[in-house]
């Protein structure tokens, strides 16, 4: 037997290597194609819903904001940025923007602090804490419409419980929903009550996720309850607090239902927040161009605030 025929040449080895690569890689490419096709199949319904109910309305809002429209919603003519110029020249829009900022400052810090205190109390596992957990989380099961009707009865000037309690201690009753000084405060109280249920469950879940061994070590080192809460609990639940603050601010800027039911933006536009002003312009006065411009301004404001929170607030978040 010839030795040269038994020893494989370089060309033979190259052909064998290429053949092995084709055998190995072809099924792998086919597998990738099948995985991508399957993923696209399952994502298609979600993408279709997002396209219909999110992306298309956004594009349409941009289009309408650059045009004047008829009362039927038909595009009349292209006017460029004139709708945006009119907004910032309008005292009504600037007032609604200021009212929205006030509403956010009233509701967001108070809701988070109250929910944090309630969660800390229930975290101690005192007797009857399960009952209080159930009571504190009840508002999350109530819709905005139902909650608004409940608080409309509570804020009644003659039949409401708050005025009844004020009269018992010799103080005059308050016109909760009809006084310009108290209108926004009344809406804020109702909104805080609505938000506390969700935030309480969220923050209590974050506290329950902290290991008990950490608290035992702190107690062994002589740390008191308040010091432990400030130095240990708050840093360890900072991701939950950060999430709560971001979602609460977004929710405050998007509030509409309680204002529409309780005050209709009054009295004297004292509760005319940005979303309600947008609703009035677009769906009551049929100025769809102006309403679309306000929607885009609201979108940009929420986006800027969220970016600022992630830029500066997330630096103080301690991820485990």
C-alpha atoms as a PDB file:
ATOM      1  CA  UNK A   1       0.000   0.000   0.000  1.00  0.00           C
ATOM      2  CA  UNK A   2       1.294   3.443  -0.968  1.00  0.00           C
ATOM      3  CA  UNK A   3       2.032   5.580   2.115  1.00  0.00           C
ATOM      4  CA  UNK A   4       1.252   8.766   0.236  1.00  0.00           C
ATOM      5  CA  UNK A   5      -2.327   7.615  -0.353  1.00  0.00           C
ATOM      6  CA  UNK A   6      -2.802   6.824   3.366  1.00  0.00           C
ATOM      7  CA  UNK A   7      -1.648  10.249   4.541  1.00  0.00           C
ATOM      8  CA  UNK A   8      -4.374  12.942   4.018  1.00  0.00           C
ATOM      9  CA  UNK A   9      -3.312  15.946   2.036  1.00  0.00           C
ATOM     10  CA  UNK A  10      -4.004  19.596   2.954  1.00  0.00           C
ATOM     11  CA  UNK A  11      -6.712  19.813   0.292  1.00  0.00           C
ATOM     12  CA  UNK A  12      -8.437  16.701   1.654  1.00  0.00           C
ATOM     13  CA  UNK A  13      -8.389  18.096   5.222  1.00  0.00           C
ATOM     14  CA  UNK A  14      -9.830  21.441   4.032  1.00  0.00           C
ATOM     15  CA  UNK A  15     -12.671  19.718   2.196  1.00  0.00           C
ATOM     16  CA  UNK A  16     -13.455  17.595   5.249  1.00  0.00           C
ATOM     17  CA  UNK A  17     -13.449  20.659   7.512  1.00  0.00           C
ATOM     18  CA  UNK A  18     -15.801  22.569   5.185  1.00  0.00           C
ATOM     19  CA  UNK A  19     -18.114  19.565   5.025  1.00  0.00           C
ATOM     20  CA  UNK A  20     -18.218  19.341   8.821  1.00  0.00           C
ATOM     21  CA  UNK A  21     -18.951  23.067   9.105  1.00  0.00           C
ATOM     22  CA  UNK A  22     -21.829  22.823   6.667  1.00  0.00           C
ATOM     23  CA  UNK A  23     -23.218  19.829   8.546  1.00  0.00           C
ATOM     24  CA  UNK A  24     -22.918  21.597  11.902  1.00  0.00           C
ATOM     25  CA  UNK A  25     -24.072  25.100  10.983  1.00  0.00           C
ATOM     26  CA  UNK A  26     -27.034  24.357   8.714  1.00  0.00           C
ATOM     27  CA  UNK A  27     -29.254  22.883  11.441  1.00  0.00           C
ATOM     28  CA  UNK A  28     -28.200  25.668  13.825  1.00  0.00           C
ATOM     29  CA  UNK A  29     -29.245  28.370  11.319  1.00  0.00           C
ATOM     30  CA  UNK A  30     -32.502  26.536  10.722  1.00  0.00           C
ATOM     31  CA  UNK A  31     -33.072  26.450  14.494  1.00  0.00           C
ATOM     32  CA  UNK A  32     -32.502  30.187  14.785  1.00  0.00           C
ATOM     33  CA  UNK A  33     -34.956  30.829  11.982  1.00  0.00           C
ATOM     34  CA  UNK A  34     -37.574  28.705  13.695  1.00  0.00           C
ATOM     35  CA  UNK A  35     -37.002  30.466  17.037  1.00  0.00           C
ATOM     36  CA  UNK A  36     -37.304  33.930  15.459  1.00  0.00           C
ATOM     37  CA  UNK A  37     -40.428  32.909  13.573  1.00  0.00           C
ATOM     38  CA  UNK A  38     -41.991  31.504  16.742  1.00  0.00           C
ATOM     39  CA  UNK A  39     -41.066  34.631  18.716  1.00  0.00           C
ATOM     40  CA  UNK A  40     -42.532  36.871  16.004  1.00  0.00           C
ATOM     41  CA  UNK A  41     -45.719  34.787  16.006  1.00  0.00           C
ATOM     42  CA  UNK A  42     -46.226  35.230  19.757  1.00  0.00           C
ATOM     43  CA  UNK A  43     -45.255  38.926  19.696  1.00  0.00           C
ATOM     44  CA  UNK A  44     -47.516  39.785  16.766  1.00  0.00           C
ATOM     45  CA  UNK A  45     -50.729  40.297  18.845  1.00  0.00           C
ATOM     46  CA  UNK A  46     -48.930  42.600  21.305  1.00  0.00           C
ATOM     47  CA  UNK A  47     -47.228  44.542  18.516  1.00  0.00           C
ATOM     48  CA  UNK A  48     -50.578  44.920  16.728  1.00  0.00           C
ATOM     49  CA  UNK A  49     -52.266  46.225  19.897  1.00  0.00           C
ATOM     50  CA  UNK A  50     -49.424  48.669  20.564  1.00  0.00           C
ATOM     51  CA  UNK A  51     -49.530  49.857  16.952  1.00  0.00           C
ATOM     52  CA  UNK A  52     -53.304  50.415  17.012  1.00  0.00           C
ATOM     53  CA  UNK A  53     -53.744  51.892  20.487  1.00  0.00           C
ATOM     54  CA  UNK A  54     -50.364  53.568  21.124  1.00  0.00           C
ATOM     55  CA  UNK A  55     -48.220  54.284  18.069  1.00  0.00           C
ATOM     56  CA  UNK A  56     -51.011  55.299  15.694  1.00  0.00           C
ATOM     57  CA  UNK A  57     -52.647  57.715  18.201  1.00  0.00           C
ATOM     58  CA  UNK A  58     -49.231  59.230  18.906  1.00  0.00           C
ATOM     59  CA  UNK A  59     -48.538  59.808  15.218  1.00  0.00           C
ATOM     60  CA  UNK A  60     -52.066  61.133  14.725  1.00  0.00           C
ATOM     61  CA  UNK A  61     -51.637  63.535  17.664  1.00  0.00           C
ATOM     62  CA  UNK A  62     -48.444  64.909  16.139  1.00  0.00           C
ATOM     63  CA  UNK A  63     -50.234  65.323  12.804  1.00  0.00           C
ATOM     64  CA  UNK A  64     -53.282  67.059  14.308  1.00  0.00           C
ATOM     65  CA  UNK A  65     -51.158  69.363  16.478  1.00  0.00           C
ATOM     66  CA  UNK A  66     -49.685  70.871  13.302  1.00  0.00           C
ATOM     67  CA  UNK A  67     -53.088  71.539  11.717  1.00  0.00           C
ATOM     68  CA  UNK A  68     -56.282  73.419  12.452  1.00  0.00           C
ATOM     69  CA  UNK A  69     -59.396  71.257  12.482  1.00  0.00           C
ATOM     70  CA  UNK A  70     -63.118  71.646  11.951  1.00  0.00           C
ATOM     71  CA  UNK A  71     -65.609  70.813  14.747  1.00  0.00           C
ATOM     72  CA  UNK A  72     -66.070  67.383  13.122  1.00  0.00           C
ATOM     73  CA  UNK A  73     -62.361  66.671  13.470  1.00  0.00           C
ATOM     74  CA  UNK A  74     -61.482  67.106   9.810  1.00  0.00           C
ATOM     75  CA  UNK A  75     -58.156  68.735   9.025  1.00  0.00           C
ATOM     76  CA  UNK A  76     -58.659  72.271   7.709  1.00  0.00           C
ATOM     77  CA  UNK A  77     -55.136  73.514   6.976  1.00  0.00           C
ATOM     78  CA  UNK A  78     -51.509  73.235   8.016  1.00  0.00           C
ATOM     79  CA  UNK A  79     -50.509  75.879  10.589  1.00  0.00           C
ATOM     80  CA  UNK A  80     -47.172  74.533  11.818  1.00  0.00           C
ATOM     81  CA  UNK A  81     -46.387  75.261  15.467  1.00  0.00           C
ATOM     82  CA  UNK A  82     -49.149  77.830  15.870  1.00  0.00           C
ATOM     83  CA  UNK A  83     -51.149  75.538  18.203  1.00  0.00           C
ATOM     84  CA  UNK A  84     -48.172  75.317  20.550  1.00  0.00           C
ATOM     85  CA  UNK A  85     -47.622  79.085  20.426  1.00  0.00           C
ATOM     86  CA  UNK A  86     -51.273  79.686  21.341  1.00  0.00           C
ATOM     87  CA  UNK A  87     -50.975  77.312  24.273  1.00  0.00           C
ATOM     88  CA  UNK A  88     -48.111  79.159  25.909  1.00  0.00           C
ATOM     89  CA  UNK A  89     -49.788  82.485  25.170  1.00  0.00           C
ATOM     90  CA  UNK A  90     -52.980  81.253  26.839  1.00  0.00           C
ATOM     91  CA  UNK A  91     -53.516  82.001  30.497  1.00  0.00           C
ATOM     92  CA  UNK A  92     -55.831  79.007  30.825  1.00  0.00           C
ATOM     93  CA  UNK A  93     -53.163  76.515  29.756  1.00  0.00           C
ATOM     94  CA  UNK A  94     -50.499  78.031  32.023  1.00  0.00           C
ATOM     95  CA  UNK A  95     -52.969  77.984  34.912  1.00  0.00           C
ATOM     96  CA  UNK A  96     -53.769  74.303  34.294  1.00  0.00           C
ATOM     97  CA  UNK A  97     -50.046  73.554  34.202  1.00  0.00           C
ATOM     98  CA  UNK A  98     -49.524  75.291  37.558  1.00  0.00           C
ATOM     99  CA  UNK A  99     -52.546  73.526  39.069  1.00  0.00           C
ATOM    100  CA  UNK A 100     -51.134  70.179  37.892  1.00  0.00           C
ATOM    101  CA  UNK A 101     -47.770  70.907  39.529  1.00  0.00           C
ATOM    102  CA  UNK A 102     -49.514  71.871  42.774  1.00  0.00           C
ATOM    103  CA  UNK A 103     -51.621  68.734  42.641  1.00  0.00           C
ATOM    104  CA  UNK A 104     -48.502  66.617  42.151  1.00  0.00           C
ATOM    105  CA  UNK A 105     -46.725  68.300  45.074  1.00  0.00           C
ATOM    106  CA  UNK A 106     -49.756  67.793  47.325  1.00  0.00           C
ATOM    107  CA  UNK A 107     -50.352  64.134  46.516  1.00  0.00           C
ATOM    108  CA  UNK A 108     -47.078  62.367  45.679  1.00  0.00           C
ATOM    109  CA  UNK A 109     -44.940  63.071  48.804  1.00  0.00           C
ATOM    110  CA  UNK A 110     -47.901  62.704  51.157  1.00  0.00           C
ATOM    111  CA  UNK A 111     -49.049  59.412  49.616  1.00  0.00           C
ATOM    112  CA  UNK A 112     -45.574  57.868  49.756  1.00  0.00           C
ATOM    113  CA  UNK A 113     -44.886  59.024  53.326  1.00  0.00           C
ATOM    114  CA  UNK A 114     -48.261  57.836  54.606  1.00  0.00           C
ATOM    115  CA  UNK A 115     -47.925  54.474  52.868  1.00  0.00           C
ATOM    116  CA  UNK A 116     -44.374  54.143  54.228  1.00  0.00           C
ATOM    117  CA  UNK A 117     -45.530  54.771  57.802  1.00  0.00           C
ATOM    118  CA  UNK A 118     -48.418  52.295  57.501  1.00  0.00           C
ATOM    119  CA  UNK A 119     -46.145  49.667  55.954  1.00  0.00           C
ATOM    120  CA  UNK A 120     -43.585  50.126  58.751  1.00  0.00           C
ATOM    121  CA  UNK A 121     -46.315  49.662  61.372  1.00  0.00           C
ATOM    122  CA  UNK A 122     -47.617  46.480  59.748  1.00  0.00           C
ATOM    123  CA  UNK A 123     -44.057  45.182  59.271  1.00  0.00           C
ATOM    124  CA  UNK A 124     -43.668  44.845  63.056  1.00  0.00           C
ATOM    125  CA  UNK A 125     -46.139  41.889  63.097  1.00  0.00           C
ATOM    126  CA  UNK A 126     -48.112  43.284  66.015  1.00  0.00           C
ATOM    127  CA  UNK A 127     -51.300  41.609  67.134  1.00  0.00           C
ATOM    128  CA  UNK A 128     -54.045  42.275  64.607  1.00  0.00           C
ATOM    129  CA  UNK A 129     -51.623  43.498  61.947  1.00  0.00           C
ATOM    130  CA  UNK A 130     -53.234  41.244  59.320  1.00  0.00           C
ATOM    131  CA  UNK A 131     -56.549  43.026  59.836  1.00  0.00           C
ATOM    132  CA  UNK A 132     -54.863  46.397  59.411  1.00  0.00           C
ATOM    133  CA  UNK A 133     -53.084  45.161  56.282  1.00  0.00           C
ATOM    134  CA  UNK A 134     -56.465  44.306  54.815  1.00  0.00           C
ATOM    135  CA  UNK A 135     -57.951  47.681  55.790  1.00  0.00           C
ATOM    136  CA  UNK A 136     -55.010  49.733  54.509  1.00  0.00           C
ATOM    137  CA  UNK A 137     -55.002  47.933  51.142  1.00  0.00           C
ATOM    138  CA  UNK A 138     -58.766  48.283  50.554  1.00  0.00           C
ATOM    139  CA  UNK A 139     -58.587  51.464  48.392  1.00  0.00           C
ATOM    140  CA  UNK A 140     -56.782  49.532  45.657  1.00  0.00           C
ATOM    141  CA  UNK A 141     -59.966  47.496  45.079  1.00  0.00           C
ATOM    142  CA  UNK A 142     -62.131  50.612  44.580  1.00  0.00           C
ATOM    143  CA  UNK A 143     -62.382  52.285  41.179  1.00  0.00           C
ATOM    144  CA  UNK A 144     -61.875  56.008  40.719  1.00  0.00           C
ATOM    145  CA  UNK A 145     -65.552  56.492  39.921  1.00  0.00           C
ATOM    146  CA  UNK A 146     -66.756  54.680  43.029  1.00  0.00           C
ATOM    147  CA  UNK A 147     -64.214  56.428  45.240  1.00  0.00           C
ATOM    148  CA  UNK A 148     -65.223  59.803  43.822  1.00  0.00           C
ATOM    149  CA  UNK A 149     -68.895  59.178  44.642  1.00  0.00           C
ATOM    150  CA  UNK A 150     -67.971  58.145  48.199  1.00  0.00           C
ATOM    151  CA  UNK A 151     -65.926  61.309  48.745  1.00  0.00           C
ATOM    152  CA  UNK A 152     -68.614  63.449  47.137  1.00  0.00           C
ATOM    153  CA  UNK A 153     -70.910  62.324  49.941  1.00  0.00           C
ATOM    154  CA  UNK A 154     -68.205  62.867  52.570  1.00  0.00           C
ATOM    155  CA  UNK A 155     -67.517  66.382  51.274  1.00  0.00           C
ATOM    156  CA  UNK A 156     -71.191  67.349  51.306  1.00  0.00           C
ATOM    157  CA  UNK A 157     -71.453  70.708  53.168  1.00  0.00           C
ATOM    158  CA  UNK A 158     -74.319  69.613  55.448  1.00  0.00           C
ATOM    159  CA  UNK A 159     -74.413  65.793  55.369  1.00  0.00           C
ATOM    160  CA  UNK A 160     -70.692  65.033  55.169  1.00  0.00           C
ATOM    161  CA  UNK A 161     -68.801  63.498  58.082  1.00  0.00           C
ATOM    162  CA  UNK A 162     -65.839  65.975  58.063  1.00  0.00           C
ATOM    163  CA  UNK A 163     -68.101  68.999  58.547  1.00  0.00           C
ATOM    164  CA  UNK A 164     -70.079  67.143  61.201  1.00  0.00           C
ATOM    165  CA  UNK A 165     -66.860  66.495  63.171  1.00  0.00           C
ATOM    166  CA  UNK A 166     -65.788  70.115  62.752  1.00  0.00           C
ATOM    167  CA  UNK A 167     -69.108  71.316  64.131  1.00  0.00           C
ATOM    168  CA  UNK A 168     -68.765  69.007  67.141  1.00  0.00           C
ATOM    169  CA  UNK A 169     -65.608  70.838  68.203  1.00  0.00           C
ATOM    170  CA  UNK A 170     -67.112  74.246  67.500  1.00  0.00           C
ATOM    171  CA  UNK A 171     -65.510  74.994  64.130  1.00  0.00           C
ATOM    172  CA  UNK A 172     -67.449  76.182  61.072  1.00  0.00           C
ATOM    173  CA  UNK A 173     -68.023  73.782  58.196  1.00  0.00           C
ATOM    174  CA  UNK A 174     -65.875  73.955  55.051  1.00  0.00           C
ATOM    175  CA  UNK A 175     -67.157  74.228  51.492  1.00  0.00           C
ATOM    176  CA  UNK A 176     -64.877  71.435  50.344  1.00  0.00           C
ATOM    177  CA  UNK A 177     -65.788  71.261  46.657  1.00  0.00           C
ATOM    178  CA  UNK A 178     -67.211  74.739  46.041  1.00  0.00           C
ATOM    179  CA  UNK A 179     -64.515  76.930  47.589  1.00  0.00           C
ATOM    180  CA  UNK A 180     -61.553  77.907  45.354  1.00  0.00           C
ATOM    181  CA  UNK A 181     -59.285  77.676  48.406  1.00  0.00           C
ATOM    182  CA  UNK A 182     -60.328  74.127  49.288  1.00  0.00           C
ATOM    183  CA  UNK A 183     -61.162  72.593  45.903  1.00  0.00           C
ATOM    184  CA  UNK A 184     -57.685  71.357  45.036  1.00  0.00           C
ATOM    185  CA  UNK A 185     -57.010  70.283  48.624  1.00  0.00           C
ATOM    186  CA  UNK A 186     -60.213  68.213  48.620  1.00  0.00           C
ATOM    187  CA  UNK A 187     -59.267  66.499  45.359  1.00  0.00           C
ATOM    188  CA  UNK A 188     -55.781  65.877  46.747  1.00  0.00           C
ATOM    189  CA  UNK A 189     -57.159  64.258  49.927  1.00  0.00           C
ATOM    190  CA  UNK A 190     -59.303  61.905  47.868  1.00  0.00           C
ATOM    191  CA  UNK A 191     -56.377  61.082  45.547  1.00  0.00           C
ATOM    192  CA  UNK A 192     -54.046  60.376  48.482  1.00  0.00           C
ATOM    193  CA  UNK A 193     -56.608  57.955  49.890  1.00  0.00           C
ATOM    194  CA  UNK A 194     -56.869  56.225  46.494  1.00  0.00           C
ATOM    195  CA  UNK A 195     -53.088  55.946  46.082  1.00  0.00           C
ATOM    196  CA  UNK A 196     -52.236  54.715  49.575  1.00  0.00           C
ATOM    197  CA  UNK A 197     -53.599  51.202  48.985  1.00  0.00           C
ATOM    198  CA  UNK A 198     -51.276  50.433  46.059  1.00  0.00           C
ATOM    199  CA  UNK A 199     -48.260  52.152  47.611  1.00  0.00           C
ATOM    200  CA  UNK A 200     -48.840  50.391  50.946  1.00  0.00           C
ATOM    201  CA  UNK A 201     -48.786  46.953  49.294  1.00  0.00           C
ATOM    202  CA  UNK A 202     -45.746  47.916  47.222  1.00  0.00           C
ATOM    203  CA  UNK A 203     -43.678  49.233  50.149  1.00  0.00           C
ATOM    204  CA  UNK A 204     -44.766  46.458  52.511  1.00  0.00           C
ATOM    205  CA  UNK A 205     -43.611  43.925  49.926  1.00  0.00           C
ATOM    206  CA  UNK A 206     -40.250  45.692  49.756  1.00  0.00           C
ATOM    207  CA  UNK A 207     -39.898  45.615  53.547  1.00  0.00           C
ATOM    208  CA  UNK A 208     -40.853  41.961  53.714  1.00  0.00           C
ATOM    209  CA  UNK A 209     -38.042  41.240  51.264  1.00  0.00           C
ATOM    210  CA  UNK A 210     -35.418  42.471  53.723  1.00  0.00           C
ATOM    211  CA  UNK A 211     -33.791  39.582  55.545  1.00  0.00           C
ATOM    212  CA  UNK A 212     -34.626  39.249  59.242  1.00  0.00           C
ATOM    213  CA  UNK A 213     -30.974  38.471  59.936  1.00  0.00           C
ATOM    214  CA  UNK A 214     -30.061  42.065  59.089  1.00  0.00           C
ATOM    215  CA  UNK A 215     -32.468  43.371  61.736  1.00  0.00           C
ATOM    216  CA  UNK A 216     -31.168  40.857  64.285  1.00  0.00           C
ATOM    217  CA  UNK A 217     -27.598  42.022  63.648  1.00  0.00           C
ATOM    218  CA  UNK A 218     -28.693  45.649  64.091  1.00  0.00           C
ATOM    219  CA  UNK A 219     -30.419  44.829  67.396  1.00  0.00           C
ATOM    220  CA  UNK A 220     -27.325  43.032  68.628  1.00  0.00           C
ATOM    221  CA  UNK A 221     -25.289  46.152  67.837  1.00  0.00           C
ATOM    222  CA  UNK A 222     -27.669  48.238  69.948  1.00  0.00           C
ATOM    223  CA  UNK A 223     -29.491  50.022  67.125  1.00  0.00           C
ATOM    224  CA  UNK A 224     -32.919  51.407  68.049  1.00  0.00           C
ATOM    225  CA  UNK A 225     -36.090  51.116  65.927  1.00  0.00           C
ATOM    226  CA  UNK A 226     -35.866  54.600  64.404  1.00  0.00           C
ATOM    227  CA  UNK A 227     -32.152  54.318  63.648  1.00  0.00           C
ATOM    228  CA  UNK A 228     -32.673  50.866  62.128  1.00  0.00           C
ATOM    229  CA  UNK A 229     -35.494  52.177  59.963  1.00  0.00           C
ATOM    230  CA  UNK A 230     -33.511  55.184  58.722  1.00  0.00           C
ATOM    231  CA  UNK A 231     -30.117  53.520  58.303  1.00  0.00           C
ATOM    232  CA  UNK A 232     -31.171  50.037  57.186  1.00  0.00           C
ATOM    233  CA  UNK A 233     -34.759  49.791  56.007  1.00  0.00           C
ATOM    234  CA  UNK A 234     -34.894  52.905  53.830  1.00  0.00           C
ATOM    235  CA  UNK A 235     -31.652  52.166  51.908  1.00  0.00           C
ATOM    236  CA  UNK A 236     -32.660  48.526  51.406  1.00  0.00           C
ATOM    237  CA  UNK A 237     -36.102  49.418  50.024  1.00  0.00           C
ATOM    238  CA  UNK A 238     -34.796  52.366  47.981  1.00  0.00           C
ATOM    239  CA  UNK A 239     -35.477  50.561  44.651  1.00  0.00           C
ATOM    240  CA  UNK A 240     -39.116  50.163  45.702  1.00  0.00           C
ATOM    241  CA  UNK A 241     -39.301  53.804  46.810  1.00  0.00           C
ATOM    242  CA  UNK A 242     -37.798  54.911  43.515  1.00  0.00           C
ATOM    243  CA  UNK A 243     -40.372  52.907  41.553  1.00  0.00           C
ATOM    244  CA  UNK A 244     -43.171  54.300  43.736  1.00  0.00           C
ATOM    245  CA  UNK A 245     -42.053  57.897  43.175  1.00  0.00           C
ATOM    246  CA  UNK A 246     -41.779  57.494  39.391  1.00  0.00           C
ATOM    247  CA  UNK A 247     -45.196  55.862  38.997  1.00  0.00           C
ATOM    248  CA  UNK A 248     -46.829  58.299  41.447  1.00  0.00           C
ATOM    249  CA  UNK A 249     -45.593  61.374  39.568  1.00  0.00           C
ATOM    250  CA  UNK A 250     -46.761  59.932  36.250  1.00  0.00           C
ATOM    251  CA  UNK A 251     -50.134  59.102  37.796  1.00  0.00           C
ATOM    252  CA  UNK A 252     -50.487  62.621  39.245  1.00  0.00           C
ATOM    253  CA  UNK A 253     -49.950  64.218  35.842  1.00  0.00           C
ATOM    254  CA  UNK A 254     -52.513  61.855  34.288  1.00  0.00           C
ATOM    255  CA  UNK A 255     -55.267  62.307  36.903  1.00  0.00           C
ATOM    256  CA  UNK A 256     -58.665  62.973  35.398  1.00  0.00           C
ATOM    257  CA  UNK A 257     -61.542  60.864  36.756  1.00  0.00           C
ATOM    258  CA  UNK A 258     -61.890  62.375  40.210  1.00  0.00           C
ATOM    259  CA  UNK A 259     -61.685  65.934  38.845  1.00  0.00           C
ATOM    260  CA  UNK A 260     -64.305  65.200  36.205  1.00  0.00           C
ATOM    261  CA  UNK A 261     -66.723  63.721  38.762  1.00  0.00           C
ATOM    262  CA  UNK A 262     -66.192  65.993  41.766  1.00  0.00           C
ATOM    263  CA  UNK A 263     -65.436  69.509  40.511  1.00  0.00           C
ATOM    264  CA  UNK A 264     -65.444  69.621  36.671  1.00  0.00           C
ATOM    265  CA  UNK A 265     -62.272  71.709  36.885  1.00  0.00           C
ATOM    266  CA  UNK A 266     -63.863  74.283  39.193  1.00  0.00           C
ATOM    267  CA  UNK A 267     -64.440  76.239  41.230  1.00  0.00           C
ATOM    268  CA  UNK A 268     -62.923  79.096  39.223  1.00  0.00           C
ATOM    269  CA  UNK A 269     -60.527  76.669  37.463  1.00  0.00           C
ATOM    270  CA  UNK A 270     -58.841  75.877  40.791  1.00  0.00           C
ATOM    271  CA  UNK A 271     -58.824  72.138  39.946  1.00  0.00           C
ATOM    272  CA  UNK A 272     -58.464  72.460  36.175  1.00  0.00           C
ATOM    273  CA  UNK A 273     -55.485  70.133  35.758  1.00  0.00           C
ATOM    274  CA  UNK A 274     -53.746  69.624  32.429  1.00  0.00           C
ATOM    275  CA  UNK A 275     -55.578  66.443  31.414  1.00  0.00           C
ATOM    276  CA  UNK A 276     -58.991  67.944  32.181  1.00  0.00           C
ATOM    277  CA  UNK A 277     -58.100  71.097  30.230  1.00  0.00           C
ATOM    278  CA  UNK A 278     -57.033  68.872  27.333  1.00  0.00           C
ATOM    279  CA  UNK A 279     -60.349  67.004  27.542  1.00  0.00           C
ATOM    280  CA  UNK A 280     -62.327  70.254  27.537  1.00  0.00           C
ATOM    281  CA  UNK A 281     -60.529  71.591  24.469  1.00  0.00           C
ATOM    282  CA  UNK A 282     -60.635  68.384  22.437  1.00  0.00           C
ATOM    283  CA  UNK A 283     -63.939  66.716  23.327  1.00  0.00           C
ATOM    284  CA  UNK A 284     -66.140  69.591  24.559  1.00  0.00           C
ATOM    285  CA  UNK A 285     -64.978  72.538  22.439  1.00  0.00           C
ATOM    286  CA  UNK A 286     -63.907  70.257  19.520  1.00  0.00           C
ATOM    287  CA  UNK A 287     -60.532  71.939  19.096  1.00  0.00           C
ATOM    288  CA  UNK A 288     -58.641  68.782  18.281  1.00  0.00           C
ATOM    289  CA  UNK A 289     -55.478  70.573  17.156  1.00  0.00           C
ATOM    290  CA  UNK A 290     -55.139  72.383  20.478  1.00  0.00           C
ATOM    291  CA  UNK A 291     -56.002  69.200  22.407  1.00  0.00           C
ATOM    292  CA  UNK A 292     -53.367  67.228  20.501  1.00  0.00           C
ATOM    293  CA  UNK A 293     -50.770  69.921  21.181  1.00  0.00           C
ATOM    294  CA  UNK A 294     -51.566  69.761  24.909  1.00  0.00           C
ATOM    295  CA  UNK A 295     -51.279  65.965  24.845  1.00  0.00           C
ATOM    296  CA  UNK A 296     -47.812  66.221  23.318  1.00  0.00           C
ATOM    297  CA  UNK A 297     -46.746  68.843  25.869  1.00  0.00           C
ATOM    298  CA  UNK A 298     -47.962  66.548  28.639  1.00  0.00           C
ATOM    299  CA  UNK A 299     -46.037  63.642  27.095  1.00  0.00           C
ATOM    300  CA  UNK A 300     -42.835  65.697  26.931  1.00  0.00           C
ATOM    301  CA  UNK A 301     -43.251  66.933  30.527  1.00  0.00           C
ATOM    302  CA  UNK A 302     -43.708  63.404  31.875  1.00  0.00           C
ATOM    303  CA  UNK A 303     -40.748  62.201  29.794  1.00  0.00           C
ATOM    304  CA  UNK A 304     -38.486  64.995  31.088  1.00  0.00           C
ATOM    305  CA  UNK A 305     -39.485  64.389  34.722  1.00  0.00           C
ATOM    306  CA  UNK A 306     -38.887  60.651  34.349  1.00  0.00           C
ATOM    307  CA  UNK A 307     -35.462  61.203  32.778  1.00  0.00           C
ATOM    308  CA  UNK A 308     -34.534  63.623  35.591  1.00  0.00           C
ATOM    309  CA  UNK A 309     -35.570  61.046  38.188  1.00  0.00           C
ATOM    310  CA  UNK A 310     -33.513  58.326  36.535  1.00  0.00           C
ATOM    311  CA  UNK A 311     -30.576  60.692  36.059  1.00  0.00           C
ATOM    312  CA  UNK A 312     -30.361  62.030  39.608  1.00  0.00           C
ATOM    313  CA  UNK A 313     -32.672  59.975  41.807  1.00  0.00           C
ATOM    314  CA  UNK A 314     -31.360  56.563  40.787  1.00  0.00           C
ATOM    315  CA  UNK A 315     -27.880  57.461  42.058  1.00  0.00           C
ATOM    316  CA  UNK A 316     -29.224  57.158  45.610  1.00  0.00           C
ATOM    317  CA  UNK A 317     -30.829  53.777  44.975  1.00  0.00           C
ATOM    318  CA  UNK A 318     -29.013  50.808  46.534  1.00  0.00           C
ATOM    319  CA  UNK A 319     -29.578  47.652  44.535  1.00  0.00           C
ATOM    320  CA  UNK A 320     -28.816  44.442  46.411  1.00  0.00           C
END
